[in-house]
Structure formats: C-alpha cells, structure tokens
Amino acid sequence: MMIIPNSRKEFEKHLNLLAESARTKKLKMPLIPRLINGLSNAKFSPNRRINLSTIDETTRLLANTLNTFDKDKFNNNE
C-alpha cells in the first residue's frame, strides 16, 4: 500500500527525498523523457517552497512510491 502524504509538508518531504536520490545517483531508472521533463519543470515559489502546480503526475507518483519503498517505513507496514 502506497504511503500518501497527509499534508503539503509531507509531500514536499517526498519531493526533496526524490531530488536527493537523483542527485546522489541512488535512483537508478532509465532516462525517460517525460520523467526528465517532470523533474526539470518543478519550480520554487518566491517563498522558497515548491510550487505544487509545476509538479506533474509522473513526478508525484515517483516521489510517493520512493517514499513508500523506503526500507524502514516499508518494513513497518508489513
């Protein structure tokens, strides 16, 4: 079962974990143009928060999936 964020703060945490995984090359995925576009189109608001209207469904799903399969959380849900 996927862990769905209950707040904007949790969702931003999921997105930041996705960005960190991509930066550190922990995320091993084929280079799909739609995924690359989704990640590169994400923008920040003037208050340095993630502008949620720039997050597409591919990026949203990947961020939530990555968080779900985080070992600690996944093992606690079984």
C-alpha atoms as a PDB file:
ATOM      1  CA  MET A   1       0.000   0.000   0.000  1.00  0.00           C
ATOM      2  CA  MET A   2       1.390   3.384  -1.006  1.00  0.00           C
ATOM      3  CA  ILE A   3       2.018   5.944   1.698  1.00  0.00           C
ATOM      4  CA  ILE A   4       0.056   9.025   0.676  1.00  0.00           C
ATOM      5  CA  PRO A   5       1.104  12.332   2.234  1.00  0.00           C
ATOM      6  CA  ASN A   6      -1.409  13.913   4.590  1.00  0.00           C
ATOM      7  CA  SER A   7      -0.084  17.439   4.249  1.00  0.00           C
ATOM      8  CA  ARG A   8       1.838  19.730   1.970  1.00  0.00           C
ATOM      9  CA  LYS A   9       4.832  19.428   4.304  1.00  0.00           C
ATOM     10  CA  GLU A  10       4.914  15.634   3.909  1.00  0.00           C
ATOM     11  CA  PHE A  11       4.581  15.888   0.127  1.00  0.00           C
ATOM     12  CA  GLU A  12       7.433  18.406  -0.043  1.00  0.00           C
ATOM     13  CA  LYS A  13       9.498  15.960   2.023  1.00  0.00           C
ATOM     14  CA  HIS A  14       8.766  13.213  -0.526  1.00  0.00           C
ATOM     15  CA  LEU A  15       9.815  15.525  -3.353  1.00  0.00           C
ATOM     16  CA  ASN A  16      13.015  16.504  -1.551  1.00  0.00           C
ATOM     17  CA  LEU A  17      13.864  12.824  -0.996  1.00  0.00           C
ATOM     18  CA  LEU A  18      13.332  12.217  -4.714  1.00  0.00           C
ATOM     19  CA  ALA A  19      15.592  15.146  -5.621  1.00  0.00           C
ATOM     20  CA  GLU A  20      18.284  13.950  -3.195  1.00  0.00           C
ATOM     21  CA  SER A  21      18.110  10.408  -4.594  1.00  0.00           C
ATOM     22  CA  ALA A  22      18.506  11.752  -8.123  1.00  0.00           C
ATOM     23  CA  ARG A  23      21.438  13.999  -7.092  1.00  0.00           C
ATOM     24  CA  THR A  24      23.310  11.203  -5.287  1.00  0.00           C
ATOM     25  CA  LYS A  25      22.577   8.728  -8.103  1.00  0.00           C
ATOM     26  CA  LYS A  26      20.761   6.383  -5.696  1.00  0.00           C
ATOM     27  CA  LEU A  27      17.797   6.423  -8.042  1.00  0.00           C
ATOM     28  CA  LYS A  28      18.516   4.021 -10.881  1.00  0.00           C
ATOM     29  CA  MET A  29      15.935   4.481 -13.606  1.00  0.00           C
ATOM     30  CA  PRO A  30      16.013   4.608 -17.377  1.00  0.00           C
ATOM     31  CA  LEU A  31      16.135   8.109 -18.803  1.00  0.00           C
ATOM     32  CA  ILE A  32      12.531   8.571 -19.839  1.00  0.00           C
ATOM     33  CA  PRO A  33      11.937  11.984 -21.449  1.00  0.00           C
ATOM     34  CA  ARG A  34       8.654  12.522 -19.587  1.00  0.00           C
ATOM     35  CA  LEU A  35      10.348  11.844 -16.248  1.00  0.00           C
ATOM     36  CA  ILE A  36      13.249  14.169 -17.028  1.00  0.00           C
ATOM     37  CA  ASN A  37      10.832  16.915 -18.109  1.00  0.00           C
ATOM     38  CA  GLY A  38       8.735  16.448 -14.977  1.00  0.00           C
ATOM     39  CA  LEU A  39      11.743  16.754 -12.694  1.00  0.00           C
ATOM     40  CA  SER A  40      13.258  19.700 -14.518  1.00  0.00           C
ATOM     41  CA  ASN A  41       9.961  21.636 -14.722  1.00  0.00           C
ATOM     42  CA  ALA A  42       9.453  21.662 -10.945  1.00  0.00           C
ATOM     43  CA  LYS A  43       9.807  25.251  -9.730  1.00  0.00           C
ATOM     44  CA  PHE A  44      10.057  27.060  -6.430  1.00  0.00           C
ATOM     45  CA  SER A  45       7.705  29.795  -5.260  1.00  0.00           C
ATOM     46  CA  PRO A  46       9.150  33.134  -4.147  1.00  0.00           C
ATOM     47  CA  ASN A  47       8.943  31.930  -0.533  1.00  0.00           C
ATOM     48  CA  ARG A  48      11.285  29.002  -1.432  1.00  0.00           C
ATOM     49  CA  ARG A  49       8.521  26.393  -1.207  1.00  0.00           C
ATOM     50  CA  ILE A  50       7.883  24.012  -4.058  1.00  0.00           C
ATOM     51  CA  ASN A  51       5.253  25.327  -6.464  1.00  0.00           C
ATOM     52  CA  LEU A  52       2.862  22.365  -6.489  1.00  0.00           C
ATOM     53  CA  SER A  53       1.218  23.427  -9.733  1.00  0.00           C
ATOM     54  CA  THR A  54       4.509  22.670 -11.556  1.00  0.00           C
ATOM     55  CA  ILE A  55       4.655  19.058 -10.320  1.00  0.00           C
ATOM     56  CA  ASP A  56       3.269  16.626 -12.890  1.00  0.00           C
ATOM     57  CA  GLU A  57       1.659  13.281 -12.091  1.00  0.00           C
ATOM     58  CA  THR A  58       4.770  11.264 -13.059  1.00  0.00           C
ATOM     59  CA  THR A  59       6.930  13.142 -10.576  1.00  0.00           C
ATOM     60  CA  ARG A  60       4.221  12.985  -7.911  1.00  0.00           C
ATOM     61  CA  LEU A  61       3.836   9.229  -8.304  1.00  0.00           C
ATOM     62  CA  LEU A  62       7.589   8.622  -8.305  1.00  0.00           C
ATOM     63  CA  ALA A  63       8.101  10.727  -5.158  1.00  0.00           C
ATOM     64  CA  ASN A  64       5.342   8.914  -3.266  1.00  0.00           C
ATOM     65  CA  THR A  65       6.490   5.492  -4.490  1.00  0.00           C
ATOM     66  CA  LEU A  66      10.087   6.169  -3.471  1.00  0.00           C
ATOM     67  CA  ASN A  67       8.912   7.163  -0.009  1.00  0.00           C
ATOM     68  CA  THR A  68       6.721   4.051   0.257  1.00  0.00           C
ATOM     69  CA  PHE A  69       9.598   1.738  -0.517  1.00  0.00           C
ATOM     70  CA  ASP A  70      11.915   3.406   1.952  1.00  0.00           C
ATOM     71  CA  LYS A  71      13.075   0.336   3.901  1.00  0.00           C
ATOM     72  CA  ASP A  72      12.146   1.478   7.405  1.00  0.00           C
ATOM     73  CA  LYS A  73       8.624   2.534   6.510  1.00  0.00           C
ATOM     74  CA  PHE A  74       8.001  -0.424   4.182  1.00  0.00           C
ATOM     75  CA  ASN A  75       9.090  -2.972   6.799  1.00  0.00           C
ATOM     76  CA  ASN A  76       6.898  -1.360   9.485  1.00  0.00           C
ATOM     77  CA  ASN A  77       3.809  -1.606   7.275  1.00  0.00           C
ATOM     78  CA  GLU A  78       4.087  -5.351   6.699  1.00  0.00           C
END
